[in-house]
Amino acid sequence: MAARLSPAQACQCRCRPALVPFSSDRGACSTKQSIPTRAAFCLNDPRRPATEHRPISNDPFASLQQRFLARCADRLVELKAARERRAVPGSSSGDTLIGIAHSLAGGAGTFGFPDISVRASELETLLIERSDVAHTALDALIAEIERTLK
């Protein structure tokens, strides 16, 4: 059964109502009224218990992160090759670069590498807009991946 809280103890950020239907033992409740309950703490609630941090070696997500980093190393080679051949936005090499940037932006965000995600997203946007400063964003993305892989 969820812990019962008074309205004064409701989530301070007001992300959800303080009153929810009391359904867990509705048959035992003669009034069948809504009462304050809390099944889980809101992420913004300062009273939320601290998240348990496990070493990455015990984290089931770690193997996925490692696979992503291995793919990042492969993508890094492709990004450097695109830089060397001066991939032009709007060309087939530019379109390939957009795909790489898009993939990196999503994957990096998913697997906990926000700096790579931001840089890749910036590059993707600049390539789509055919911006003259896309090469600067490409250099920044390459540098960020190299920093992460060290």
C-alpha atoms as a PDB file:
ATOM      1  CA  MET A   1       0.000   0.000   0.000  1.00  0.00           C
ATOM      2  CA  ALA A   2       1.259   3.492  -0.776  1.00  0.00           C
ATOM      3  CA  ALA A   3       2.244   5.773   2.075  1.00  0.00           C
ATOM      4  CA  ARG A   4      -0.508   8.166   3.122  1.00  0.00           C
ATOM      5  CA  LEU A   5       0.412  11.840   3.166  1.00  0.00           C
ATOM      6  CA  SER A   6      -1.518  14.841   4.323  1.00  0.00           C
ATOM      7  CA  PRO A   7      -2.238  17.549   1.725  1.00  0.00           C
ATOM      8  CA  ALA A   8       0.550  19.582   3.337  1.00  0.00           C
ATOM      9  CA  GLN A   9       2.952  16.767   2.503  1.00  0.00           C
ATOM     10  CA  ALA A  10       1.955  16.646  -1.162  1.00  0.00           C
ATOM     11  CA  CYS A  11       4.558  17.096  -3.840  1.00  0.00           C
ATOM     12  CA  GLN A  12       5.988  20.589  -3.522  1.00  0.00           C
ATOM     13  CA  CYS A  13       6.318  21.103  -7.266  1.00  0.00           C
ATOM     14  CA  ARG A  14       2.613  20.291  -7.777  1.00  0.00           C
ATOM     15  CA  CYS A  15       3.428  17.923 -10.628  1.00  0.00           C
ATOM     16  CA  ARG A  16       0.504  15.720  -9.726  1.00  0.00           C
ATOM     17  CA  PRO A  17      -2.569  16.005  -7.532  1.00  0.00           C
ATOM     18  CA  ALA A  18      -2.196  15.445  -3.815  1.00  0.00           C
ATOM     19  CA  LEU A  19      -5.387  13.392  -3.799  1.00  0.00           C
ATOM     20  CA  VAL A  20      -5.684  10.172  -5.740  1.00  0.00           C
ATOM     21  CA  PRO A  21      -8.357   7.487  -5.551  1.00  0.00           C
ATOM     22  CA  PHE A  22      -7.775   5.104  -2.702  1.00  0.00           C
ATOM     23  CA  SER A  23      -8.016   1.944  -4.750  1.00  0.00           C
ATOM     24  CA  SER A  24      -5.668  -0.552  -3.092  1.00  0.00           C
ATOM     25  CA  ASP A  25      -8.243  -1.643  -0.495  1.00  0.00           C
ATOM     26  CA  ARG A  26     -11.341   0.104  -1.775  1.00  0.00           C
ATOM     27  CA  GLY A  27     -13.529  -2.692  -0.479  1.00  0.00           C
ATOM     28  CA  ALA A  28     -12.354  -2.069   3.094  1.00  0.00           C
ATOM     29  CA  CYS A  29     -13.017   1.667   2.921  1.00  0.00           C
ATOM     30  CA  SER A  30     -16.624   2.468   3.758  1.00  0.00           C
ATOM     31  CA  THR A  31     -16.414   6.077   2.521  1.00  0.00           C
ATOM     32  CA  LYS A  32     -14.626   5.257  -0.747  1.00  0.00           C
ATOM     33  CA  GLN A  33     -13.199   8.760  -0.746  1.00  0.00           C
ATOM     34  CA  SER A  34      -9.972   9.952  -2.255  1.00  0.00           C
ATOM     35  CA  ILE A  35      -7.197  10.228   0.257  1.00  0.00           C
ATOM     36  CA  PRO A  36      -3.665  11.535  -0.087  1.00  0.00           C
ATOM     37  CA  THR A  37      -1.263   8.810  -1.158  1.00  0.00           C
ATOM     38  CA  ARG A  38       2.168   8.709  -2.658  1.00  0.00           C
ATOM     39  CA  ALA A  39       3.168   5.688  -4.698  1.00  0.00           C
ATOM     40  CA  ALA A  40       6.479   7.268  -5.709  1.00  0.00           C
ATOM     41  CA  PHE A  41       8.275  10.522  -5.110  1.00  0.00           C
ATOM     42  CA  CYS A  42       8.423  13.157  -7.822  1.00  0.00           C
ATOM     43  CA  LEU A  43      11.924  13.718  -9.208  1.00  0.00           C
ATOM     44  CA  ASN A  44      11.671  17.358  -8.093  1.00  0.00           C
ATOM     45  CA  ASP A  45      10.630  16.500  -4.535  1.00  0.00           C
ATOM     46  CA  PRO A  46      13.475  17.253  -2.087  1.00  0.00           C
ATOM     47  CA  ARG A  47      12.183  14.464   0.172  1.00  0.00           C
ATOM     48  CA  ARG A  48      12.785  11.869  -2.558  1.00  0.00           C
ATOM     49  CA  PRO A  49      15.208   9.177  -1.379  1.00  0.00           C
ATOM     50  CA  ALA A  50      18.687   9.414  -2.880  1.00  0.00           C
ATOM     51  CA  THR A  51      19.243   7.313  -5.973  1.00  0.00           C
ATOM     52  CA  GLU A  52      21.398   4.295  -5.415  1.00  0.00           C
ATOM     53  CA  HIS A  53      24.593   4.603  -7.441  1.00  0.00           C
ATOM     54  CA  ARG A  54      26.168   1.345  -8.463  1.00  0.00           C
ATOM     55  CA  PRO A  55      29.658   0.978  -9.862  1.00  0.00           C
ATOM     56  CA  ILE A  56      29.554   0.911 -13.656  1.00  0.00           C
ATOM     57  CA  SER A  57      30.935  -2.640 -13.678  1.00  0.00           C
ATOM     58  CA  ASN A  58      27.701  -3.835 -12.024  1.00  0.00           C
ATOM     59  CA  ASP A  59      25.486  -1.682 -14.186  1.00  0.00           C
ATOM     60  CA  PRO A  60      23.610  -3.639 -16.886  1.00  0.00           C
ATOM     61  CA  PHE A  61      23.572  -0.435 -18.951  1.00  0.00           C
ATOM     62  CA  ALA A  62      27.405  -0.374 -18.979  1.00  0.00           C
ATOM     63  CA  SER A  63      27.733  -2.954 -21.755  1.00  0.00           C
ATOM     64  CA  LEU A  64      25.453  -0.867 -23.973  1.00  0.00           C
ATOM     65  CA  GLN A  65      27.521   2.224 -23.214  1.00  0.00           C
ATOM     66  CA  GLN A  66      30.685   0.351 -24.137  1.00  0.00           C
ATOM     67  CA  ARG A  67      29.158  -0.785 -27.441  1.00  0.00           C
ATOM     68  CA  PHE A  68      28.137   2.800 -28.156  1.00  0.00           C
ATOM     69  CA  LEU A  69      31.683   4.013 -27.443  1.00  0.00           C
ATOM     70  CA  ALA A  70      33.072   1.381 -29.814  1.00  0.00           C
ATOM     71  CA  ARG A  71      30.709   2.658 -32.515  1.00  0.00           C
ATOM     72  CA  CYS A  72      31.820   6.204 -31.644  1.00  0.00           C
ATOM     73  CA  ALA A  73      35.382   5.214 -32.450  1.00  0.00           C
ATOM     74  CA  ASP A  74      34.219   3.975 -35.863  1.00  0.00           C
ATOM     75  CA  ARG A  75      32.212   7.145 -36.427  1.00  0.00           C
ATOM     76  CA  LEU A  76      35.241   9.217 -35.439  1.00  0.00           C
ATOM     77  CA  VAL A  77      37.180   7.699 -38.344  1.00  0.00           C
ATOM     78  CA  GLU A  78      34.301   8.588 -40.697  1.00  0.00           C
ATOM     79  CA  LEU A  79      34.077  12.139 -39.333  1.00  0.00           C
ATOM     80  CA  LYS A  80      37.801  12.690 -39.796  1.00  0.00           C
ATOM     81  CA  ALA A  81      37.595  11.354 -43.354  1.00  0.00           C
ATOM     82  CA  ALA A  82      34.714  13.753 -44.069  1.00  0.00           C
ATOM     83  CA  ARG A  83      36.797  16.603 -42.692  1.00  0.00           C
ATOM     84  CA  GLU A  84      39.755  15.635 -44.896  1.00  0.00           C
ATOM     85  CA  ARG A  85      37.673  15.499 -48.069  1.00  0.00           C
ATOM     86  CA  ARG A  86      35.894  18.709 -47.024  1.00  0.00           C
ATOM     87  CA  ALA A  87      32.363  17.312 -47.165  1.00  0.00           C
ATOM     88  CA  VAL A  88      30.065  19.986 -48.543  1.00  0.00           C
ATOM     89  CA  PRO A  89      26.539  20.459 -47.173  1.00  0.00           C
ATOM     90  CA  GLY A  90      24.038  19.436 -49.846  1.00  0.00           C
ATOM     91  CA  SER A  91      26.359  16.892 -51.500  1.00  0.00           C
ATOM     92  CA  SER A  92      26.129  13.138 -51.013  1.00  0.00           C
ATOM     93  CA  SER A  93      29.065  13.283 -48.588  1.00  0.00           C
ATOM     94  CA  GLY A  94      27.274  16.075 -46.724  1.00  0.00           C
ATOM     95  CA  ASP A  95      24.121  13.959 -46.550  1.00  0.00           C
ATOM     96  CA  THR A  96      26.131  11.044 -45.172  1.00  0.00           C
ATOM     97  CA  LEU A  97      27.598  13.376 -42.583  1.00  0.00           C
ATOM     98  CA  ILE A  98      24.081  14.512 -41.610  1.00  0.00           C
ATOM     99  CA  GLY A  99      23.154  10.866 -41.009  1.00  0.00           C
ATOM    100  CA  ILE A 100      26.231  10.277 -38.872  1.00  0.00           C
ATOM    101  CA  ALA A 101      25.591  13.436 -36.848  1.00  0.00           C
ATOM    102  CA  HIS A 102      21.929  12.511 -36.373  1.00  0.00           C
ATOM    103  CA  SER A 103      22.818   9.010 -35.211  1.00  0.00           C
ATOM    104  CA  LEU A 104      25.455  10.302 -32.806  1.00  0.00           C
ATOM    105  CA  ALA A 105      23.124  12.958 -31.396  1.00  0.00           C
ATOM    106  CA  GLY A 106      20.456  10.419 -30.510  1.00  0.00           C
ATOM    107  CA  GLY A 107      22.751   7.633 -29.358  1.00  0.00           C
ATOM    108  CA  ALA A 108      24.962   9.852 -27.243  1.00  0.00           C
ATOM    109  CA  GLY A 109      21.947  11.350 -25.496  1.00  0.00           C
ATOM    110  CA  THR A 110      20.506   7.916 -24.837  1.00  0.00           C
ATOM    111  CA  PHE A 111      23.712   6.410 -23.495  1.00  0.00           C
ATOM    112  CA  GLY A 112      24.682   9.257 -21.187  1.00  0.00           C
ATOM    113  CA  PHE A 113      27.067  11.375 -23.238  1.00  0.00           C
ATOM    114  CA  PRO A 114      25.277  14.733 -23.422  1.00  0.00           C
ATOM    115  CA  ASP A 115      28.282  16.724 -24.652  1.00  0.00           C
ATOM    116  CA  ILE A 116      28.648  14.527 -27.732  1.00  0.00           C
ATOM    117  CA  SER A 117      24.893  14.706 -28.255  1.00  0.00           C
ATOM    118  CA  VAL A 118      24.858  18.511 -28.191  1.00  0.00           C
ATOM    119  CA  ARG A 119      27.836  18.818 -30.553  1.00  0.00           C
ATOM    120  CA  ALA A 120      26.384  16.268 -32.980  1.00  0.00           C
ATOM    121  CA  SER A 121      22.998  17.979 -32.940  1.00  0.00           C
ATOM    122  CA  GLU A 122      24.631  21.339 -33.664  1.00  0.00           C
ATOM    123  CA  LEU A 123      26.532  19.818 -36.583  1.00  0.00           C
ATOM    124  CA  GLU A 124      23.401  18.187 -37.962  1.00  0.00           C
ATOM    125  CA  THR A 125      21.485  21.473 -37.826  1.00  0.00           C
ATOM    126  CA  LEU A 126      24.284  23.434 -39.482  1.00  0.00           C
ATOM    127  CA  LEU A 127      24.628  20.843 -42.241  1.00  0.00           C
ATOM    128  CA  ILE A 128      20.898  20.875 -42.920  1.00  0.00           C
ATOM    129  CA  GLU A 129      20.979  24.673 -43.070  1.00  0.00           C
ATOM    130  CA  ARG A 130      24.022  24.422 -45.375  1.00  0.00           C
ATOM    131  CA  SER A 131      25.901  26.774 -43.097  1.00  0.00           C
ATOM    132  CA  ASP A 132      29.436  27.870 -43.873  1.00  0.00           C
ATOM    133  CA  VAL A 133      30.442  27.265 -40.244  1.00  0.00           C
ATOM    134  CA  ALA A 134      29.551  23.557 -40.286  1.00  0.00           C
ATOM    135  CA  HIS A 135      33.273  22.710 -40.484  1.00  0.00           C
ATOM    136  CA  THR A 136      33.780  24.397 -37.094  1.00  0.00           C
ATOM    137  CA  ALA A 137      30.999  22.270 -35.590  1.00  0.00           C
ATOM    138  CA  LEU A 138      32.570  19.174 -37.174  1.00  0.00           C
ATOM    139  CA  ASP A 139      35.903  19.997 -35.529  1.00  0.00           C
ATOM    140  CA  ALA A 140      34.147  20.509 -32.169  1.00  0.00           C
ATOM    141  CA  LEU A 141      32.369  17.145 -32.462  1.00  0.00           C
ATOM    142  CA  ILE A 142      35.591  15.353 -33.365  1.00  0.00           C
ATOM    143  CA  ALA A 143      37.351  16.944 -30.387  1.00  0.00           C
ATOM    144  CA  GLU A 144      34.513  15.991 -28.017  1.00  0.00           C
ATOM    145  CA  ILE A 145      34.507  12.359 -29.153  1.00  0.00           C
ATOM    146  CA  GLU A 146      38.288  12.173 -28.807  1.00  0.00           C
ATOM    147  CA  ARG A 147      38.034  13.629 -25.288  1.00  0.00           C
ATOM    148  CA  THR A 148      35.377  11.094 -24.341  1.00  0.00           C
ATOM    149  CA  LEU A 149      37.259   8.116 -25.761  1.00  0.00           C
ATOM    150  CA  LYS A 150      40.461   8.902 -23.829  1.00  0.00           C
END
